[in-house]
Protein backbone atom coordinates (compact mmCIF):
# COMPACT_ATOMS: atom_id res chain seq x y z
CA MET A 1 105.71 -50.76 11.13
CA LYS A 2 105.44 -48.78 13.95
CA SER A 3 104.00 -46.03 11.33
CA PHE A 4 101.72 -48.63 10.26
CA PHE A 5 100.19 -48.99 13.82
CA ARG A 6 99.56 -45.40 14.49
CA ILE A 7 97.72 -44.96 11.32
CA VAL A 8 95.22 -47.79 12.22
CA PHE A 9 95.13 -46.44 16.11
CA LEU A 10 94.03 -43.02 14.38
CA GLY A 11 91.74 -44.14 11.87
CA ILE A 12 89.80 -46.46 14.82
CA LEU A 13 89.92 -43.46 16.80
CA ILE A 14 88.07 -41.06 14.28
CA LEU A 15 85.47 -43.77 13.43
CA SER A 16 84.59 -43.69 17.38
CA PHE A 17 84.39 -39.87 17.61
CA THR A 18 82.11 -40.16 14.15
CA LYS A 19 80.13 -43.22 15.83
CA CYS A 20 79.55 -40.69 18.73
CA ALA A 21 78.84 -37.71 16.93
CA LYS A 22 75.86 -39.27 15.10
CA ARG A 23 73.94 -40.95 18.09
CA GLY A 24 74.16 -37.80 20.07
CA PHE A 25 72.59 -34.10 19.19
CA ILE A 26 72.10 -30.87 21.18
CA ASP A 27 68.42 -29.93 21.37
CA GLY A 28 68.95 -26.55 23.21
CA GLY A 29 66.99 -27.94 26.38
CA ALA A 30 62.77 -27.95 26.87
CA LYS A 31 60.45 -25.49 24.97
CA ASP A 32 60.29 -22.46 26.76
CA THR A 33 56.38 -22.38 28.07
CA ILE A 34 56.51 -19.71 30.59
CA ALA A 35 54.74 -16.34 29.93
CA PRO A 36 56.57 -13.01 30.48
CA VAL A 37 56.09 -11.87 34.28
CA LEU A 38 55.68 -7.86 35.33
CA LYS A 39 58.50 -7.14 37.09
CA ILE A 40 58.13 -3.34 37.82
CA SER A 41 55.39 -0.58 36.45
CA THR A 42 55.61 2.88 37.11
CA PRO A 43 53.32 4.37 38.67
CA ALA A 44 52.48 0.98 40.50
CA ASN A 45 49.47 -1.10 39.47
CA TYR A 46 46.41 0.19 41.03
CA SER A 47 47.62 3.43 41.92
CA THR A 48 45.43 6.63 43.03
CA ASN A 49 45.34 9.68 42.64
CA PHE A 50 47.10 9.22 38.80
CA ASN A 51 47.51 12.70 37.33
CA GLY A 52 50.40 11.64 34.95
CA LYS A 53 50.44 11.43 30.86
CA GLU A 54 52.60 8.22 30.87
CA ILE A 55 52.75 4.64 32.01
CA LYS A 56 55.58 2.18 32.11
CA LEU A 57 55.81 -1.34 32.40
CA TYR A 58 58.91 -3.19 32.72
CA PHE A 59 58.97 -7.03 32.16
CA ASP A 60 61.10 -10.29 33.44
CA GLU A 61 62.45 -10.84 29.35
CA TYR A 62 61.53 -9.38 25.98
CA VAL A 63 57.93 -9.10 25.11
CA LYS A 64 56.41 -8.22 21.88
CA LEU A 65 53.21 -7.17 21.01
CA LYS A 66 50.36 -9.26 18.76
CA ASP A 67 46.92 -7.83 17.90
CA VAL A 68 46.93 -4.76 20.57
CA ASN A 69 44.61 -2.80 18.71
CA LYS A 70 42.13 -5.94 18.69
CA GLN A 71 42.72 -7.22 22.22
CA LEU A 72 43.76 -4.25 24.50
CA ILE A 73 39.82 -3.04 26.10
CA ILE A 74 40.51 0.27 28.20
CA SER A 75 37.47 0.96 30.48
CA PRO A 76 35.92 3.67 30.37
CA PRO A 77 36.88 4.17 27.17
CA MET A 78 39.24 6.91 25.96
CA ASP A 79 39.03 9.13 22.71
CA PRO A 80 42.01 9.27 21.37
CA MET A 81 43.14 5.94 22.41
CA PRO A 82 46.14 5.91 24.05
CA GLU A 83 49.78 5.19 21.92
CA VAL A 84 51.13 2.34 22.69
CA LEU A 85 55.19 1.32 22.44
CA PRO A 86 57.33 -0.34 21.56
CA THR A 87 56.05 -2.11 17.95
CA MET A 88 59.49 -3.98 18.27
CA ALA A 89 60.52 -6.45 20.39
CA SER A 90 61.44 -4.65 24.06
CA LYS A 91 61.69 -5.22 27.88
CA TYR A 92 59.39 -2.37 28.70
CA ILE A 93 56.20 -1.26 26.81
CA THR A 94 55.10 2.90 27.71
CA ILE A 95 51.52 3.72 27.49
CA LYS A 96 51.16 7.68 26.29
CA ILE A 97 47.92 9.04 27.49
CA LYS A 98 46.24 11.04 24.71
CA ASP A 99 42.96 12.09 26.35
CA THR A 100 41.55 14.10 29.24
CA LEU A 101 41.32 11.59 32.13
CA LYS A 102 38.16 11.86 34.47
CA GLU A 103 38.51 12.85 37.78
CA ASN A 104 37.67 10.65 40.82
CA THR A 105 37.24 7.26 38.09
CA THR A 106 38.97 4.06 37.99
CA TYR A 107 40.40 2.75 34.62
CA SER A 108 41.49 -0.59 32.98
CA PHE A 109 43.33 -1.76 30.45
CA ASN A 110 42.99 -5.22 30.10
CA PHE A 111 45.42 -6.61 27.54
CA GLY A 112 44.25 -9.75 26.53
CA GLN A 113 46.81 -12.11 25.17
CA SER A 114 48.53 -9.51 23.34
CA ILE A 115 51.48 -9.25 25.61
CA GLN A 116 53.86 -12.24 24.63
CA ASP A 117 57.35 -13.12 25.16
CA HIS A 118 60.07 -12.21 21.93
CA ASN A 119 61.07 -16.30 21.46
CA GLU A 120 58.02 -18.51 22.01
CA GLY A 121 54.97 -15.75 21.92
CA ASN A 122 53.88 -16.94 25.25
CA PRO A 123 50.93 -14.92 26.05
CA MET A 124 50.39 -13.30 29.34
CA LYS A 125 46.71 -14.07 29.77
CA GLN A 126 44.04 -11.11 30.58
CA PHE A 127 46.93 -8.76 32.24
CA ARG A 128 45.48 -5.56 33.70
CA TYR A 129 46.92 -2.94 34.55
CA VAL A 130 44.67 -0.22 37.22
CA MET A 131 44.84 3.06 38.27
CA SER A 132 42.36 5.78 39.44
CA THR A 133 42.35 9.37 39.45
CA GLY A 134 40.60 9.28 42.49
CA SER A 135 41.67 8.57 45.77
CA TYR A 136 40.96 5.00 46.13
CA VAL A 137 39.95 1.99 43.38
CA ASP A 138 36.57 0.98 42.58
CA SER A 139 36.30 -2.57 43.48
CA LEU A 140 33.11 -3.98 42.27
CA LYS A 141 32.50 -6.72 39.18
CA LEU A 142 29.59 -7.32 37.14
CA GLY A 143 29.95 -10.67 35.14
CA GLY A 144 27.79 -12.82 32.24
CA LYS A 145 27.36 -14.25 28.95
CA VAL A 146 26.39 -13.18 25.21
CA LYS A 147 25.17 -15.40 23.11
CA ASP A 148 23.67 -15.20 19.23
CA ALA A 149 19.61 -15.10 19.55
CA PHE A 150 19.40 -17.30 16.47
CA LEU A 151 22.16 -19.45 16.09
CA GLN A 152 24.00 -21.64 18.35
CA GLU A 153 27.41 -19.93 17.99
CA THR A 154 28.50 -17.00 19.05
CA GLU A 155 30.78 -14.49 17.10
CA LYS A 156 33.88 -13.52 18.82
CA PHE A 157 35.01 -10.40 20.47
CA VAL A 158 31.83 -8.85 21.48
CA THR A 159 31.61 -5.96 23.23
CA VAL A 160 29.84 -5.37 26.12
CA LEU A 161 28.67 -2.28 27.76
CA LEU A 162 27.57 -0.23 30.64
CA TYR A 163 25.94 3.01 30.90
CA GLU A 164 25.07 4.89 34.27
CA ARG A 165 21.57 4.88 34.74
CA ASN A 166 21.78 8.53 35.91
CA GLU A 167 20.12 11.54 35.18
CA THR A 168 21.80 12.28 32.10
CA TYR A 169 20.97 8.70 30.80
CA HIS A 170 18.55 8.26 27.63
CA ASP A 171 18.25 5.36 25.08
CA SER A 172 19.97 7.37 22.37
CA ALA A 173 23.15 7.09 24.70
CA VAL A 174 23.96 3.78 22.61
CA TYR A 175 23.76 5.25 19.24
CA LYS A 176 25.48 9.08 20.33
CA ARG A 177 27.95 8.30 23.30
CA VAL A 178 30.64 5.93 24.49
CA PRO A 179 29.76 3.70 27.63
CA ASP A 180 30.87 4.42 31.25
CA TYR A 181 32.69 0.94 31.00
CA VAL A 182 33.24 -1.21 28.52
CA THR A 183 34.81 -4.88 28.26
CA ASN A 184 35.11 -7.33 25.42
CA THR A 185 34.57 -10.97 25.08
CA LEU A 186 37.54 -11.49 23.32
CA ASP A 187 38.25 -14.78 21.41
CA LEU A 188 38.21 -16.71 24.50
CA GLY A 189 34.37 -17.48 24.84
CA ASN A 190 31.38 -16.09 25.17
CA ASP A 191 31.60 -15.04 28.99
CA PHE A 192 32.30 -11.24 29.89
CA VAL A 193 33.58 -9.35 33.19
CA PHE A 194 33.55 -5.97 34.77
CA GLU A 195 35.98 -4.76 36.97
CA ASN A 196 36.68 -2.25 38.73
CA VAL A 197 33.27 -0.73 38.91
CA LYS A 198 31.84 1.76 40.98
CA PRO A 199 28.17 1.36 43.06
CA GLY A 200 25.45 2.96 40.97
CA LYS A 201 22.32 1.83 38.39
CA TYR A 202 23.26 0.96 35.11
CA GLN A 203 21.69 -0.39 31.43
CA LEU A 204 23.78 -3.59 30.22
CA ILE A 205 24.08 -3.46 26.36
CA ALA A 206 25.93 -5.62 24.35
CA LEU A 207 27.57 -5.02 20.75
CA LYS A 208 29.36 -6.72 17.60
CA ASP A 209 30.40 -3.68 16.93
CA LYS A 210 32.13 -3.14 13.04
CA ASN A 211 33.48 -0.16 13.52
CA ASN A 212 34.81 -0.41 17.17
CA ASN A 213 33.44 2.56 18.17
CA PHE A 214 31.36 1.55 21.21
CA LYS A 215 28.43 3.64 19.71
CA PHE A 216 25.73 1.15 18.02
CA ASP A 217 25.15 1.42 14.20
CA PRO A 218 22.08 -0.39 12.79
CA LYS A 219 23.18 -0.96 9.74
CA THR A 220 26.14 -2.67 10.63
CA ASP A 221 26.02 -3.78 14.17
CA MET A 222 24.24 -6.46 16.14
CA ILE A 223 23.03 -5.52 19.73
CA GLY A 224 21.70 -7.03 22.77
CA PHE A 225 20.56 -5.79 26.36
CA HIS A 226 19.17 -6.80 28.96
CA PRO A 227 15.90 -5.47 29.50
CA GLU A 228 16.13 -4.29 33.46
CA VAL A 229 17.62 -1.59 34.97
CA ILE A 230 20.99 -3.27 36.87
CA GLN A 231 21.89 -2.09 40.51
CA ILE A 232 25.17 -2.97 41.19
CA PRO A 233 26.82 -4.38 43.45
CA ASN A 234 24.95 -7.41 42.19
CA ASP A 235 26.00 -11.25 42.60
CA THR A 236 24.18 -11.86 39.34
CA LEU A 237 25.10 -13.66 36.02
CA TYR A 238 23.06 -11.89 33.22
CA GLU A 239 22.67 -13.38 30.10
CA VAL A 240 22.39 -10.99 26.92
CA GLU A 241 20.98 -12.18 23.35
CA LEU A 242 22.75 -10.66 20.46
CA PHE A 243 20.39 -9.79 17.13
CA LYS A 244 20.27 -7.58 14.03
CA GLU A 245 17.57 -5.13 13.95
CA GLU A 246 15.34 -5.18 11.04
CA LEU A 247 16.15 -1.68 9.46
CA PRO A 248 12.88 0.37 8.24
CA PHE A 249 12.71 0.37 4.83
CA LYS A 250 14.20 3.37 3.13
CA ALA A 251 14.52 3.52 -0.60
CA ILE A 252 18.18 5.30 -1.48
CA ASN A 253 18.28 5.22 -5.22
CA ALA A 254 17.11 4.91 -8.66
CA SER A 255 18.42 3.34 -11.87
CA LEU A 256 17.49 2.51 -15.57
CA PRO A 257 18.76 -0.59 -16.79
CA ASN A 258 16.06 -1.74 -19.43
CA ASN A 259 13.68 0.30 -21.95
CA ASN A 260 10.48 -0.91 -19.58
CA LYS A 261 12.04 -1.70 -15.94
CA ALA A 262 13.36 0.63 -13.24
CA TRP A 263 15.49 -0.48 -10.39
CA ILE A 264 14.79 1.23 -7.00
CA GLY A 265 17.66 0.31 -4.58
CA TYR A 266 16.82 0.43 -0.71
CA GLU A 267 17.93 -0.82 2.75
CA GLY A 268 15.67 -2.51 5.36
CA LYS A 269 13.53 -5.84 4.57
CA ALA A 270 11.50 -5.57 1.17
CA LYS A 271 8.10 -5.29 1.64
CA LYS A 272 5.20 -5.00 -1.24
CA GLN A 273 5.50 -0.96 -1.48
CA THR A 274 3.03 0.58 -3.54
CA VAL A 275 5.62 2.24 -6.59
CA GLU A 276 3.80 4.81 -8.64
CA ILE A 277 4.78 6.24 -12.00
CA PHE A 278 4.15 9.33 -13.37
CA ASP A 279 2.73 9.78 -17.21
CA GLN A 280 0.35 11.92 -19.02
CA ASN A 281 -0.05 14.21 -15.82
CA GLU A 282 -0.84 11.80 -13.37
CA TRP A 283 0.26 9.03 -10.96
CA LYS A 284 0.00 5.55 -11.89
CA THR A 285 0.60 2.61 -10.27
CA ALA A 286 3.12 0.31 -11.15
CA ILE A 287 3.80 -3.22 -11.08
CA THR A 288 6.96 -3.88 -8.73
CA SER A 289 8.64 -7.31 -7.88
CA LYS A 290 11.60 -7.76 -5.73
CA HIS A 291 14.97 -8.23 -7.63
CA PRO A 292 16.39 -11.67 -7.57
CA SER A 293 19.17 -11.31 -6.05
CA LYS A 294 20.16 -7.43 -5.34
CA ASP A 295 18.31 -5.45 -2.44
CA SER A 296 16.27 -3.93 -5.18
CA LEU A 297 12.60 -3.23 -5.99
CA GLU A 298 11.50 -3.54 -10.21
CA VAL A 299 9.41 -1.32 -11.60
CA TRP A 300 7.52 -2.35 -14.49
CA PHE A 301 5.95 0.22 -17.23
CA PRO A 302 4.86 -0.96 -20.33
CA LYS A 303 5.04 2.10 -22.30
CA LEU A 304 6.37 6.03 -21.45
CA THR A 305 4.82 8.73 -23.70
CA SER A 306 7.70 11.47 -22.31
CA ASP A 307 11.42 11.35 -22.37
CA SER A 308 11.67 11.24 -18.54
CA LEU A 309 10.51 9.03 -15.62
CA LYS A 310 9.29 10.18 -12.27
CA LEU A 311 8.70 7.38 -10.07
CA ARG A 312 6.94 7.87 -6.35
CA ILE A 313 7.45 5.56 -3.87
CA ALA A 314 5.10 5.14 -0.72
CA ASN A 315 3.78 8.60 -1.59
CA GLN A 316 7.09 9.97 -0.23
CA LYS A 317 10.41 9.45 -2.19
CA GLU A 318 10.73 10.76 -5.42
CA PHE A 319 13.40 9.90 -8.31
CA ALA A 320 13.46 11.52 -11.87
CA LEU A 321 14.98 9.26 -14.71
CA ALA A 322 16.20 10.12 -17.92
CA VAL A 323 14.84 7.62 -20.28
CA LYS A 324 17.35 6.53 -22.89
CA LYS A 325 17.30 4.11 -25.80
CA LEU A 326 18.00 0.65 -24.00
CA LYS A 327 16.56 -2.88 -24.61
CA LYS A 328 13.81 -4.41 -23.41
CA ASP A 329 13.53 -7.09 -20.85
CA THR A 330 11.91 -10.00 -22.58
CA LEU A 331 9.75 -13.34 -21.34
CA ASN A 332 12.10 -15.71 -20.28
CA ILE A 333 10.76 -18.89 -18.58
CA ALA A 334 12.96 -21.82 -16.49
CA ALA A 335 12.45 -24.42 -13.78
CA GLU A 336 14.09 -23.64 -10.09
CA LYS A 337 15.11 -26.55 -10.27
CA GLU A 338 15.02 -29.77 -12.29
CA GLY A 339 16.06 -33.39 -12.09
CA ASN A 340 15.83 -35.01 -8.48
CA LEU A 341 12.15 -33.60 -6.93
CA LEU A 342 11.86 -34.71 -3.29
CA PHE A 343 8.39 -35.79 -1.93
CA GLY A 344 6.03 -33.22 -0.72
CA LYS A 345 8.23 -30.30 -2.43
CA PRO A 346 6.57 -28.31 -5.15
CA ILE A 347 7.67 -27.63 -8.66
CA PHE A 348 8.88 -23.88 -9.10
CA ILE A 349 8.85 -22.39 -12.39
CA LYS A 350 10.19 -18.75 -12.84
CA HIS A 351 9.21 -15.87 -15.38
CA SER A 352 11.47 -12.88 -15.86
CA THR A 353 8.69 -10.60 -16.36
CA PRO A 354 5.68 -9.86 -14.82
CA ILE A 355 2.62 -11.89 -15.92
CA GLN A 356 -0.87 -10.42 -17.36
CA HIS A 357 -2.63 -13.97 -18.01
CA ILE A 358 -1.93 -17.95 -17.23
CA ASP A 359 -3.99 -20.18 -19.47
CA ILE A 360 -3.63 -23.15 -17.19
CA SER A 361 -5.32 -25.52 -19.62
CA LYS A 362 -1.66 -25.54 -21.62
CA PHE A 363 -0.23 -26.81 -18.70
CA ILE A 364 0.51 -30.30 -19.14
CA LEU A 365 1.80 -32.54 -16.45
CA THR A 366 2.75 -36.14 -17.13
CA ASP A 367 4.24 -39.45 -15.57
CA LYS A 368 6.78 -41.41 -17.60
CA ASP A 369 3.90 -43.53 -18.83
CA SER A 370 2.20 -40.33 -20.26
CA THR A 371 -0.17 -40.63 -17.54
CA VAL A 372 -1.43 -37.15 -16.82
CA VAL A 373 -1.03 -36.07 -13.27
CA GLN A 374 -3.31 -33.38 -11.28
CA PHE A 375 -1.38 -30.31 -9.94
CA ASN A 376 -3.03 -27.24 -8.44
CA HIS A 377 -1.16 -23.86 -8.67
CA GLN A 378 -0.53 -20.65 -7.08
CA MET A 379 1.04 -17.25 -8.06
CA ASP A 380 3.65 -15.19 -6.78
CA ALA A 381 3.78 -12.08 -8.56
CA TRP A 382 6.30 -10.21 -5.66
CA ASN A 383 9.23 -13.18 -6.68
CA GLN A 384 8.17 -13.85 -9.94
CA LYS A 385 7.42 -18.05 -9.52
CA ILE A 386 4.55 -20.66 -10.20
CA GLN A 387 4.45 -22.81 -7.69
CA ILE A 388 2.81 -26.31 -8.78
CA ASP A 389 1.63 -28.87 -6.13
CA PHE A 390 1.08 -32.61 -6.82
CA THR A 391 1.42 -35.95 -5.50
CA ALA A 392 4.89 -37.46 -6.34
CA GLU A 393 5.04 -41.35 -6.65
CA GLU A 394 8.64 -42.93 -6.18
CA ARG A 395 10.67 -43.96 -8.66
CA GLN A 396 8.55 -41.93 -11.51
CA LYS A 397 9.56 -39.58 -13.84
CA TYR A 398 7.84 -36.45 -14.49
CA GLN A 399 7.35 -33.83 -17.57
CA LEU A 400 5.68 -30.66 -17.24
CA LEU A 401 4.58 -29.22 -20.84
CA LEU A 402 4.04 -25.61 -21.59
CA LEU A 403 1.96 -25.23 -24.43
CA PRO A 404 2.46 -22.40 -26.69
CA GLY A 405 0.51 -19.32 -24.55
CA ALA A 406 0.54 -20.82 -21.57
CA ILE A 407 1.92 -17.75 -19.73
CA THR A 408 1.23 -14.15 -21.17
CA ASP A 409 3.44 -11.59 -19.63
CA MET A 410 2.14 -7.57 -19.25
CA PHE A 411 3.94 -6.86 -22.80
CA GLU A 412 1.53 -9.72 -24.28
CA THR A 413 4.49 -11.87 -25.40
CA SER A 414 3.62 -15.22 -24.17
CA ASN A 415 5.46 -18.75 -24.30
CA ASP A 416 6.79 -21.17 -27.31
CA SER A 417 6.68 -24.77 -26.27
CA LEU A 418 8.19 -25.67 -23.44
CA LYS A 419 9.38 -28.60 -21.66
CA PHE A 420 10.59 -29.59 -17.98
CA GLN A 421 12.09 -32.96 -16.33
CA PHE A 422 12.09 -34.16 -13.23
CA SER A 423 12.02 -37.73 -11.14
CA THR A 424 11.77 -39.02 -8.08
CA ARG A 425 13.81 -41.64 -5.98
CA ALA A 426 12.72 -44.72 -3.96
CA LYS A 427 11.42 -43.70 -0.27
CA THR A 428 13.91 -45.94 0.57
CA ASP A 429 16.74 -43.96 0.19
CA TYR A 430 15.21 -41.63 2.38
CA GLY A 431 14.87 -41.28 6.12
CA ASN A 432 11.70 -40.59 8.08
CA LEU A 433 12.21 -38.59 11.70
CA LYS A 434 9.52 -38.21 14.52
CA LEU A 435 9.96 -35.94 17.38
CA ILE A 436 8.01 -36.55 20.45
CA LEU A 437 7.50 -32.58 22.08
CA LYS A 438 7.05 -32.22 25.48
CA ASN A 439 6.65 -29.11 27.90
CA VAL A 440 6.12 -26.77 24.56
CA LYS A 441 5.00 -23.11 26.11
CA SER A 442 2.57 -22.32 23.04
CA TYR A 443 1.68 -22.74 19.58
CA PRO A 444 2.90 -22.56 16.73
CA LEU A 445 5.97 -23.46 17.24
CA ILE A 446 8.19 -23.70 14.29
CA VAL A 447 10.50 -26.69 13.77
CA GLN A 448 13.41 -26.44 11.67
CA LEU A 449 16.46 -29.28 10.81
CA THR A 450 19.30 -27.57 9.99
CA ASP A 451 23.09 -28.29 9.20
CA ASP A 452 26.10 -27.58 11.70
CA LYS A 453 26.13 -23.68 10.22
CA GLY A 454 22.42 -22.95 10.98
CA THR A 455 21.30 -22.99 7.54
CA THR A 456 17.72 -24.45 7.08
CA LYS A 457 17.24 -27.67 5.07
CA HIS A 458 13.63 -28.46 6.30
CA GLU A 459 11.10 -26.83 8.30
CA LEU A 460 7.17 -27.51 9.93
CA ILE A 461 5.08 -25.13 11.77
CA VAL A 462 3.04 -27.42 14.12
CA ASN A 463 0.16 -26.84 16.50
CA SER A 464 0.43 -30.24 18.27
CA PRO A 465 3.08 -32.46 20.28
CA GLU A 466 4.25 -34.44 17.31
CA ALA A 467 6.82 -33.10 14.27
CA ASN A 468 7.03 -35.34 11.38
CA PHE A 469 9.66 -35.37 8.35
CA PRO A 470 9.02 -37.75 6.16
CA TRP A 471 11.49 -39.29 3.68
CA ILE A 472 14.22 -36.33 4.24
CA ASP A 473 18.02 -37.30 3.07
CA PRO A 474 19.93 -38.70 5.48
CA PHE A 475 22.02 -36.22 7.77
CA LYS A 476 23.28 -35.23 10.93
CA TYR A 477 20.37 -32.79 11.51
CA THR A 478 20.76 -30.15 13.98
CA ILE A 479 17.00 -29.39 15.39
CA ARG A 480 15.90 -25.57 15.87
CA PHE A 481 12.85 -24.51 17.68
CA ILE A 482 11.25 -21.26 17.28
CA TYR A 483 7.96 -19.89 19.33
CA ASP A 484 6.43 -17.64 17.02
CA ILE A 485 4.20 -15.56 19.31
CA ASN A 486 2.73 -13.23 16.69
CA GLU A 487 2.15 -16.35 14.65
CA ASN A 488 3.71 -14.98 11.33
CA GLY A 489 5.42 -17.99 10.40
CA ILE A 490 9.24 -16.86 10.92
CA TRP A 491 11.14 -15.56 13.18
CA ASP A 492 11.16 -12.16 14.58
CA THR A 493 13.83 -10.37 15.59
CA GLY A 494 14.19 -7.38 18.55
CA ASN A 495 14.55 -3.85 18.64
CA PHE A 496 16.21 -1.75 21.14
CA LEU A 497 14.23 1.34 21.47
CA GLN A 498 11.18 -0.15 21.16
CA LYS A 499 12.71 -2.28 24.16
CA LYS A 500 11.61 -5.59 22.02
CA GLN A 501 13.44 -8.57 22.74
CA THR A 502 13.52 -11.44 19.84
CA GLU A 503 11.28 -14.39 19.67
CA GLU A 504 12.67 -17.41 21.77
CA VAL A 505 15.05 -19.76 19.99
CA LEU A 506 15.85 -23.05 21.76
CA TYR A 507 18.02 -25.92 20.00
CA TYR A 508 18.12 -29.65 20.74
CA PRO A 509 21.79 -29.80 22.33
CA LYS A 510 22.43 -33.50 20.33
CA THR A 511 22.64 -33.56 17.04
CA ILE A 512 19.88 -36.75 14.82
CA ASP A 513 21.74 -39.35 12.69
CA VAL A 514 18.82 -39.96 9.71
CA ARG A 515 19.87 -42.69 7.61
CA GLN A 516 19.00 -44.25 4.67
CA ASN A 517 15.65 -46.14 5.18
CA TRP A 518 15.80 -45.52 8.99
CA ASP A 519 12.58 -44.49 11.15
CA VAL A 520 13.60 -42.58 13.66
CA GLU A 521 11.69 -41.66 16.77
CA GLN A 522 13.18 -38.73 19.32
CA ALA A 523 11.49 -37.63 22.19
CA ILE A 524 12.25 -33.87 23.16
CA ASP A 525 11.50 -32.02 26.22
CA LEU A 526 11.68 -28.00 25.76
CA GLY A 527 10.84 -27.43 29.50
CA GLY A 528 14.30 -29.22 30.39
């Protein structure tokens, strides 16, 4: 009997402990959110008369380096860059200097957020180690902001440079040598600050430096610059606008993809270049067009009498190509977009080979009742398109018929019968937007409705303080304004050597919600 009670007692005791075990957990305490702390450095931070090759930083806990090659900014830049060790968790970091340091110069090592504790990854934000090879540490600052000259959003990790404007400075310095001081916006925003700068006159430049070499490469980099010399000390906050320069046109190579066409690859912006073909002992002007998807010119020729092809572009560069037995391009005609047609938008007909003749009487546009619709047309030989303009009605269907022989190309090939179908929706499916503009500095003004990535969806060029966008798709639009100073209908970028800034771009700070069957009127002050 006593044994029975002992067994029952033990069972109850075990169950009690089991319940307790299920109700409580050890959570290890509060999460560590404290960043590492520098305990000591050798030499000490802000040391003077530095002449060593090694710096050691000791911390209160194990630390690791993350993205140190991207986050660490050394000013003035060192070449070669120092080695930062170790790559694994440690309580100290060693900086091994490999460059020959300048005399009487203050050096700053900004680690950004690359130093983190080993367990939780808490970063030391903007930790800086500073030392001087001279008898004192320079202490002046210069700050400001970088912004994209065209888009609302500015890229992160923009490099900002200071070149001392002394007797040795030339504008070519940004292409050839590293700056006297460097900083970076990193990934924290668009603000920048130079610290530990000595007094003097400087040129302020910003780069989206794709090669990370502190030099401007116009092929890959964006650049921005302050137009005037900056005197330090200075408490002004400067704004620098980044832009991509337009490269001058330069022919690079040539190839023969077909037996009646050559390609000339180029860099820069394509314009209507004069290309000549050497045939029958003389240079003849060729027909050229823009390749629809490549940075290439298309050079067309009907027939060659020799087994080699010589091309000359802009009366400068020549190419020689061996003529092979290749297929010839044939005439293909297609609508750029069939189906839904927006009000006020034209129809575009694409053609694959240059056109020699159009018989517009063989273009027949009709509606769903087979009523003939009047239209106007424009030729765009450079882009190989025909533009058809007409006044579209709502809830209507249209057919564009091209009878045989409507289009004849340079090879004397004509089209067969072709049909293209289009339709419109009800105007109530769209919205209407009217902008009342105040304090416009000058006209013409380009007004663009964009999406949140900056892609233009609708555009107007206005010469009065009113911009009307009828029958546009329901959408939350961003509004961009461009002061078209040279009146060429596009936004023009800048040029560093020419000291030319971009055309001014402004954004309305709020999105405009255009809804179906709504009329939206919005007053916007461009001087505010």
